[in-house]
Amino acid sequence: MELDLDRAIEFVASAIEVIAVIVIAGSILLSIFNIVKNYSSRKPGFFKSYKDRIGKALQAGLEFLVAADIIRTVIIEPTIESVIILGLLVLIRTFLSWSIIVESEERVPWKPGKKEVAAE
């Protein structure tokens, strides 16, 4: 019974990783398609829009990957070593996510963006 539960949890974690890959790859392919399709127009902010889409796709993908790591580490192999590795992975992915926000939105994550300030 426990073996079946472990297999099911491993399957769920793997499925979440596949979703992350689909989100990242699909968004990149869609963005490339839009760039090729709209290249001749070259509207202002054209490449910034592309960069923003890629950044948001990477952020979403990273969130899915962190969720899969948490499920796999905490549920399946809860050893000190695996928890330390999970902590390092979460730190690295959090730093990557933070870097993506800084790069794409040109702001630090704890300050409101232009859209958030305008809404207030």
C-alpha atoms as a PDB file:
ATOM      1  CA  MET A   1       0.000   0.000   0.000  1.00  0.00           C
ATOM      2  CA  GLU A   2       2.767   2.447   0.965  1.00  0.00           C
ATOM      3  CA  LEU A   3       4.663   1.598  -2.220  1.00  0.00           C
ATOM      4  CA  ASP A   4       1.586   2.448  -4.301  1.00  0.00           C
ATOM      5  CA  LEU A   5       1.216   5.779  -2.511  1.00  0.00           C
ATOM      6  CA  ASP A   6       4.902   6.577  -3.077  1.00  0.00           C
ATOM      7  CA  ARG A   7       4.520   5.753  -6.765  1.00  0.00           C
ATOM      8  CA  ALA A   8       1.414   7.925  -7.028  1.00  0.00           C
ATOM      9  CA  ILE A   9       3.160  10.859  -5.349  1.00  0.00           C
ATOM     10  CA  GLU A  10       6.205  10.417  -7.583  1.00  0.00           C
ATOM     11  CA  PHE A  11       3.867  10.397 -10.592  1.00  0.00           C
ATOM     12  CA  VAL A  12       2.223  13.640  -9.418  1.00  0.00           C
ATOM     13  CA  ALA A  13       5.630  15.305  -8.929  1.00  0.00           C
ATOM     14  CA  SER A  14       6.744  14.166 -12.385  1.00  0.00           C
ATOM     15  CA  ALA A  15       3.480  15.398 -13.914  1.00  0.00           C
ATOM     16  CA  ILE A  16       4.009  18.820 -12.339  1.00  0.00           C
ATOM     17  CA  GLU A  17       7.528  18.927 -13.823  1.00  0.00           C
ATOM     18  CA  VAL A  18       6.092  18.076 -17.239  1.00  0.00           C
ATOM     19  CA  ILE A  19       3.577  20.911 -16.833  1.00  0.00           C
ATOM     20  CA  ALA A  20       6.488  23.260 -16.045  1.00  0.00           C
ATOM     21  CA  VAL A  21       8.302  22.217 -19.217  1.00  0.00           C
ATOM     22  CA  ILE A  22       5.124  22.643 -21.286  1.00  0.00           C
ATOM     23  CA  VAL A  23       4.492  26.106 -19.821  1.00  0.00           C
ATOM     24  CA  ILE A  24       8.058  27.267 -20.475  1.00  0.00           C
ATOM     25  CA  ALA A  25       8.503  25.674 -23.907  1.00  0.00           C
ATOM     26  CA  GLY A  26       4.999  26.566 -25.078  1.00  0.00           C
ATOM     27  CA  SER A  27       5.367  30.198 -24.057  1.00  0.00           C
ATOM     28  CA  ILE A  28       8.762  30.490 -25.701  1.00  0.00           C
ATOM     29  CA  LEU A  29       7.474  28.950 -28.937  1.00  0.00           C
ATOM     30  CA  LEU A  30       4.411  31.212 -28.900  1.00  0.00           C
ATOM     31  CA  SER A  31       6.591  34.263 -28.273  1.00  0.00           C
ATOM     32  CA  ILE A  32       8.943  33.313 -31.108  1.00  0.00           C
ATOM     33  CA  PHE A  33       5.947  32.841 -33.398  1.00  0.00           C
ATOM     34  CA  ASN A  34       4.630  36.294 -32.449  1.00  0.00           C
ATOM     35  CA  ILE A  35       8.033  37.872 -33.042  1.00  0.00           C
ATOM     36  CA  VAL A  36       8.315  36.339 -36.503  1.00  0.00           C
ATOM     37  CA  LYS A  37       4.712  37.262 -37.330  1.00  0.00           C
ATOM     38  CA  ASN A  38       4.987  40.866 -36.129  1.00  0.00           C
ATOM     39  CA  TYR A  39       8.634  41.532 -36.996  1.00  0.00           C
ATOM     40  CA  SER A  40       7.843  43.766 -39.955  1.00  0.00           C
ATOM     41  CA  SER A  41       5.690  46.135 -37.875  1.00  0.00           C
ATOM     42  CA  ARG A  42       8.387  46.742 -35.217  1.00  0.00           C
ATOM     43  CA  LYS A  43       6.081  48.696 -32.967  1.00  0.00           C
ATOM     44  CA  PRO A  44       7.664  50.540 -30.036  1.00  0.00           C
ATOM     45  CA  GLY A  45       8.294  48.153 -27.179  1.00  0.00           C
ATOM     46  CA  PHE A  46       8.116  45.154 -29.507  1.00  0.00           C
ATOM     47  CA  PHE A  47      11.114  43.308 -28.071  1.00  0.00           C
ATOM     48  CA  LYS A  48      10.304  44.409 -24.508  1.00  0.00           C
ATOM     49  CA  SER A  49       6.943  42.690 -24.863  1.00  0.00           C
ATOM     50  CA  TYR A  50       8.699  39.529 -26.045  1.00  0.00           C
ATOM     51  CA  LYS A  51      11.109  39.669 -23.112  1.00  0.00           C
ATOM     52  CA  ASP A  52       8.245  40.200 -20.653  1.00  0.00           C
ATOM     53  CA  ARG A  53       6.343  37.172 -21.979  1.00  0.00           C
ATOM     54  CA  ILE A  54       9.412  34.973 -21.699  1.00  0.00           C
ATOM     55  CA  GLY A  55      10.074  36.243 -18.164  1.00  0.00           C
ATOM     56  CA  LYS A  56       6.532  35.509 -17.024  1.00  0.00           C
ATOM     57  CA  ALA A  57       6.683  32.025 -18.579  1.00  0.00           C
ATOM     58  CA  LEU A  58       9.952  31.299 -16.783  1.00  0.00           C
ATOM     59  CA  GLN A  59       8.483  32.520 -13.489  1.00  0.00           C
ATOM     60  CA  ALA A  60       5.441  30.275 -13.871  1.00  0.00           C
ATOM     61  CA  GLY A  61       7.634  27.327 -14.840  1.00  0.00           C
ATOM     62  CA  LEU A  62       9.899  27.890 -11.840  1.00  0.00           C
ATOM     63  CA  GLU A  63       6.889  27.904  -9.516  1.00  0.00           C
ATOM     64  CA  PHE A  64       5.773  24.536 -10.882  1.00  0.00           C
ATOM     65  CA  LEU A  65       9.298  23.129 -10.517  1.00  0.00           C
ATOM     66  CA  VAL A  66       9.534  24.290  -6.899  1.00  0.00           C
ATOM     67  CA  ALA A  67       6.164  22.652  -6.168  1.00  0.00           C
ATOM     68  CA  ALA A  68       7.359  19.372  -7.708  1.00  0.00           C
ATOM     69  CA  ASP A  69      10.582  19.513  -5.684  1.00  0.00           C
ATOM     70  CA  ILE A  70       8.661  20.120  -2.462  1.00  0.00           C
ATOM     71  CA  ILE A  71       6.319  17.206  -3.124  1.00  0.00           C
ATOM     72  CA  ARG A  72       9.145  14.878  -4.064  1.00  0.00           C
ATOM     73  CA  THR A  73      11.458  15.846  -1.201  1.00  0.00           C
ATOM     74  CA  VAL A  74       9.086  16.217   1.719  1.00  0.00           C
ATOM     75  CA  ILE A  75       6.698  13.376   0.926  1.00  0.00           C
ATOM     76  CA  ILE A  76       8.929  10.749  -0.682  1.00  0.00           C
ATOM     77  CA  GLU A  77      12.410  11.122   0.821  1.00  0.00           C
ATOM     78  CA  PRO A  78      12.326  13.253   3.969  1.00  0.00           C
ATOM     79  CA  THR A  79      16.011  13.014   4.929  1.00  0.00           C
ATOM     80  CA  ILE A  80      18.153  15.879   6.203  1.00  0.00           C
ATOM     81  CA  GLU A  81      20.226  15.752   3.014  1.00  0.00           C
ATOM     82  CA  SER A  82      17.172  15.943   0.740  1.00  0.00           C
ATOM     83  CA  VAL A  83      15.686  18.818   2.767  1.00  0.00           C
ATOM     84  CA  ILE A  84      18.988  20.744   2.513  1.00  0.00           C
ATOM     85  CA  ILE A  85      19.063  20.120  -1.234  1.00  0.00           C
ATOM     86  CA  LEU A  86      15.435  21.282  -1.458  1.00  0.00           C
ATOM     87  CA  GLY A  87      16.335  24.441   0.451  1.00  0.00           C
ATOM     88  CA  LEU A  88      19.195  25.171  -1.937  1.00  0.00           C
ATOM     89  CA  LEU A  89      16.980  24.546  -4.975  1.00  0.00           C
ATOM     90  CA  VAL A  90      14.290  26.851  -3.605  1.00  0.00           C
ATOM     91  CA  LEU A  91      16.901  29.550  -2.897  1.00  0.00           C
ATOM     92  CA  ILE A  92      18.347  29.272  -6.403  1.00  0.00           C
ATOM     93  CA  ARG A  93      14.929  29.312  -8.055  1.00  0.00           C
ATOM     94  CA  THR A  94      13.783  32.208  -5.866  1.00  0.00           C
ATOM     95  CA  PHE A  95      16.878  34.164  -6.906  1.00  0.00           C
ATOM     96  CA  LEU A  96      16.173  33.349 -10.567  1.00  0.00           C
ATOM     97  CA  SER A  97      12.562  34.473 -10.180  1.00  0.00           C
ATOM     98  CA  TRP A  98      13.714  37.667  -8.472  1.00  0.00           C
ATOM     99  CA  SER A  99      16.209  38.300 -11.291  1.00  0.00           C
ATOM    100  CA  ILE A 100      13.491  37.801 -13.900  1.00  0.00           C
ATOM    101  CA  ILE A 101      11.264  40.394 -12.190  1.00  0.00           C
ATOM    102  CA  VAL A 102      14.136  42.883 -11.986  1.00  0.00           C
ATOM    103  CA  GLU A 103      15.007  42.318 -15.649  1.00  0.00           C
ATOM    104  CA  SER A 104      11.522  42.265 -17.152  1.00  0.00           C
ATOM    105  CA  GLU A 105       9.722  44.835 -14.995  1.00  0.00           C
ATOM    106  CA  GLU A 106      12.759  47.021 -14.248  1.00  0.00           C
ATOM    107  CA  ARG A 107      11.949  47.120 -10.537  1.00  0.00           C
ATOM    108  CA  VAL A 108      12.781  45.215  -7.388  1.00  0.00           C
ATOM    109  CA  PRO A 109      10.063  42.735  -6.357  1.00  0.00           C
ATOM    110  CA  TRP A 110       9.109  44.485  -3.115  1.00  0.00           C
ATOM    111  CA  LYS A 111       8.268  47.792  -4.839  1.00  0.00           C
ATOM    112  CA  PRO A 112       4.925  48.137  -6.615  1.00  0.00           C
ATOM    113  CA  GLY A 113       4.990  48.102 -10.387  1.00  0.00           C
ATOM    114  CA  LYS A 114       3.689  50.881 -12.616  1.00  0.00           C
ATOM    115  CA  LYS A 115       0.347  49.097 -13.076  1.00  0.00           C
ATOM    116  CA  GLU A 116      -0.067  48.573  -9.316  1.00  0.00           C
ATOM    117  CA  VAL A 117       0.656  52.239  -8.539  1.00  0.00           C
ATOM    118  CA  ALA A 118      -1.786  53.404 -11.246  1.00  0.00           C
ATOM    119  CA  ALA A 119      -4.539  51.196  -9.779  1.00  0.00           C
ATOM    120  CA  GLU A 120      -4.269  52.883  -6.370  1.00  0.00           C
END
